[in-house]
Protein backbone atom coordinates (compact mmCIF):
# COMPACT_ATOMS: atom_id res chain seq x y z
CA MET A 1 18.02 -8.53 -8.15
CA SER A 2 15.14 -6.50 -9.49
CA LYS A 3 12.13 -7.84 -11.40
CA ARG A 4 9.36 -6.14 -13.34
CA VAL A 5 5.97 -6.96 -11.84
CA LYS A 6 2.33 -6.17 -12.36
CA ILE A 7 0.95 -4.67 -9.15
CA PHE A 8 -2.71 -4.81 -8.15
CA ILE A 9 -3.95 -3.08 -5.00
CA GLU A 10 -7.56 -3.11 -3.86
CA GLY A 11 -8.65 -1.25 -0.75
CA MET A 12 -12.20 -1.29 0.57
CA SER A 13 -14.29 -0.63 3.60
CA ARG A 14 -15.46 -3.91 5.15
CA ASP A 15 -18.97 -2.49 5.50
CA GLU A 16 -19.38 -1.08 1.99
CA GLU A 17 -18.44 -3.29 -0.94
CA GLU A 18 -19.03 -0.41 -3.41
CA ASP A 19 -16.44 1.84 -1.77
CA ARG A 20 -13.34 0.39 -3.46
CA ILE A 21 -10.08 1.95 -4.50
CA ILE A 22 -8.20 -0.05 -7.12
CA THR A 23 -4.67 0.56 -8.38
CA ASN A 24 -3.07 -1.28 -11.31
CA ALA A 25 0.54 -0.55 -12.21
CA ILE A 26 3.73 -1.98 -13.61
CA GLY A 27 6.59 -1.64 -11.18
CA GLU A 28 9.75 -3.04 -9.72
CA TYR A 29 10.09 -5.83 -7.15
CA ARG A 30 13.03 -6.56 -4.87
CA LEU A 31 13.53 -8.92 -1.95
CA ILE A 32 15.96 -7.47 0.60
CA ASP A 33 16.65 -9.19 3.93
CA GLY A 34 13.29 -11.02 3.80
CA VAL A 35 11.30 -7.86 3.02
CA HIS A 36 9.38 -7.62 -0.27
CA ILE A 37 9.74 -4.14 -1.78
CA LEU A 38 7.48 -2.80 -4.53
CA ARG A 39 8.06 0.52 -6.30
CA TYR A 40 5.70 1.95 -8.90
CA LYS A 41 4.05 4.99 -10.40
CA GLU A 42 0.26 4.99 -10.11
CA ASN A 43 -1.61 4.29 -13.35
CA ASP A 44 1.67 3.49 -15.13
CA LEU A 45 0.64 0.29 -16.90
CA GLU A 46 3.02 0.85 -19.81
CA ASN A 47 6.03 1.83 -17.67
CA ASN A 48 7.44 3.79 -20.63
CA ASN A 49 5.35 6.90 -20.06
CA SER A 50 7.45 9.76 -18.82
CA SER A 51 5.60 11.33 -15.98
CA GLU A 52 5.52 15.07 -15.48
CA ASN A 53 6.87 14.44 -12.00
CA ASP A 54 9.34 11.57 -11.67
CA LYS A 55 9.33 12.06 -7.88
CA GLU A 56 5.84 10.52 -7.63
CA ILE A 57 7.08 7.00 -6.95
CA ASN A 58 5.11 4.87 -4.48
CA THR A 59 6.85 2.27 -2.32
CA ILE A 60 5.41 -0.69 -0.41
CA ARG A 61 7.50 -2.77 2.01
CA ILE A 62 5.93 -6.09 3.00
CA SER A 63 6.82 -8.67 5.64
CA SER A 64 4.57 -11.19 7.39
CA THR A 65 3.63 -8.82 10.26
CA TYR A 66 4.48 -5.36 8.91
CA VAL A 67 3.53 -3.35 5.81
CA GLU A 68 4.67 0.18 5.04
CA MET A 69 3.01 2.12 2.21
CA ILE A 70 4.64 5.36 1.11
CA LYS A 71 2.85 7.59 -1.40
CA SER A 72 4.59 10.63 -2.83
CA GLY A 73 3.28 13.57 -4.81
CA ASP A 74 0.60 16.15 -3.95
CA ASN A 75 -1.22 13.80 -1.54
CA ARG A 76 1.69 12.16 0.19
CA THR A 77 1.40 9.81 3.09
CA LYS A 78 3.21 7.07 4.94
CA MET A 79 0.96 4.38 6.37
CA VAL A 80 2.38 1.68 8.62
CA PHE A 81 0.40 -1.47 9.35
CA ASP A 82 1.89 -3.42 12.26
CA LEU A 83 0.23 -6.51 13.67
CA TYR A 84 1.77 -5.96 17.11
CA LYS A 85 1.16 -2.27 17.74
CA ASN A 86 -1.09 0.59 16.71
CA THR A 87 0.47 3.18 14.43
CA GLU A 88 -0.19 6.76 13.31
CA SER A 89 -0.16 8.20 9.82
CA VAL A 90 -0.14 11.73 8.50
CA TYR A 91 -1.95 12.28 5.20
CA ASP A 92 -0.44 15.41 3.68
CA THR A 93 -2.59 17.18 1.06
CA PRO A 94 -2.23 20.59 -0.61
CA TYR A 95 -5.07 21.71 1.71
CA GLY A 96 -3.51 20.57 4.99
CA CYS A 97 -2.51 17.54 7.02
CA LEU A 98 -4.76 14.90 8.58
CA GLN A 99 -3.55 12.53 11.28
CA PHE A 100 -4.97 8.99 11.49
CA GLN A 101 -4.53 6.07 13.85
CA ILE A 102 -4.26 2.56 12.37
CA LYS A 103 -5.02 -0.66 14.23
CA THR A 104 -4.10 -3.72 12.15
CA SER A 105 -6.05 -6.84 13.05
CA LYS A 106 -5.05 -9.33 10.34
CA MET A 107 -2.20 -9.96 7.90
CA VAL A 108 -1.84 -13.00 5.68
CA LEU A 109 1.16 -13.14 3.35
CA GLU A 110 1.25 -15.70 0.53
CA GLU A 111 4.66 -16.10 -1.07
CA LYS A 112 4.85 -18.01 -4.35
CA GLN A 113 7.64 -18.36 -6.88
CA ASP A 114 6.26 -15.76 -9.30
CA GLN A 115 3.96 -13.69 -7.07
CA ILE A 116 3.28 -12.39 -3.58
CA VAL A 117 -0.15 -11.67 -2.12
CA MET A 118 -0.87 -9.75 1.09
CA HIS A 119 -4.33 -9.66 2.69
CA MET A 120 -4.76 -7.10 5.49
CA GLU A 121 -7.57 -5.90 7.73
CA TYR A 122 -7.37 -2.75 9.81
CA SER A 123 -9.44 -0.03 11.45
CA LEU A 124 -8.90 3.65 10.88
CA SER A 125 -9.52 6.40 13.47
CA HIS A 126 -9.10 10.16 13.62
CA ASN A 127 -8.78 11.96 16.97
CA ASP A 128 -9.68 8.66 18.68
CA SER A 129 -13.00 8.49 16.78
CA HIS A 130 -13.54 5.35 14.72
CA ILE A 131 -13.86 6.07 10.99
CA SER A 132 -13.95 2.69 9.27
CA ASP A 133 -12.94 -0.97 9.18
CA ASN A 134 -11.01 -1.77 6.02
CA ARG A 135 -9.37 -4.46 3.92
CA ILE A 136 -6.44 -4.22 1.55
CA LEU A 137 -5.34 -6.78 -1.01
CA ILE A 138 -1.87 -6.33 -2.55
CA LYS A 139 -0.73 -8.60 -5.38
CA ALA A 140 2.56 -8.46 -7.26
CA LYS A 141 3.06 -10.92 -10.11
CA GLU A 142 6.22 -11.29 -12.17
CA LEU A 143 5.87 -10.29 -15.83
């Protein structure tokens, strides 16, 4: 079963409160084998806008110890946050690829009848050099 949801994502560096990235969108929610799946187009709050590129669909898969974020389009990436092991991500831009290492230190999943909320903390490195400590908040609420 699929549901329409409002999706809110806030990412920030733990050291700099001003450095925030916020995404609001209307998307689709599914629960498959205990995994929460969100699919959406960025900045698509109306969900009736026809995008120039229908392939730019973002997907988030959420469980209690694992989150996978897949972004398509010009700046595509697949980031995996795993509480039990460090992961690597390739951020593909029109100007080249960057490889990052992700060490997830905290995941708290709140599951309610009409919404899910995931709080995550992780550190990001490039070529074994620490870049930042970060937090992500993901909320999906049924419309």
